[in-house]
Amino acid sequence: MDSPMTLESSAYRVRDLAGCQVLTDQGECLGLLVDVLPSGGNDIFVVQQGLRELMIPALKNVVRRIDIPHKCVEVVLPQGLREIYGFDSATAATSITPRHESNPIRSEPGEPHHETA
């Protein structure tokens, strides 16, 4: 599929999401999506930038766009999330080289679909 996937097609495999660059709706690069954690109400995207990890809720009002062919996820950060992580635009990366597929990912290939709530 050439066009970006949106949340109308809400099921994605973790192995397809892993390695995607996560950007805010303002174009800030937050890091690379390295895992998807299941939780009671919604999944959580684990985004890594250097040694720090951000946990972003995989909710329709947070995840704006998922573009698997271009390995990109666009999010609108929930209010207060920046403050929790001590994260501001000055600490955001301007660009990140995508992970090489041989790098390990916490989730196993072939795991069930994870859905955005």
Foldseek 3Di string as FASTA:
>chain_A
DQDFDFCVVFWDDQLLLFQAFEAEPVGFTAATFQGWADDDPFIWTWGDDPPDTATATLANQFWGTGGSVNRYTYGHGDPPSCVVRVHDSVPTDNDDDTDDSVDDGPDDPPDGIGGHD
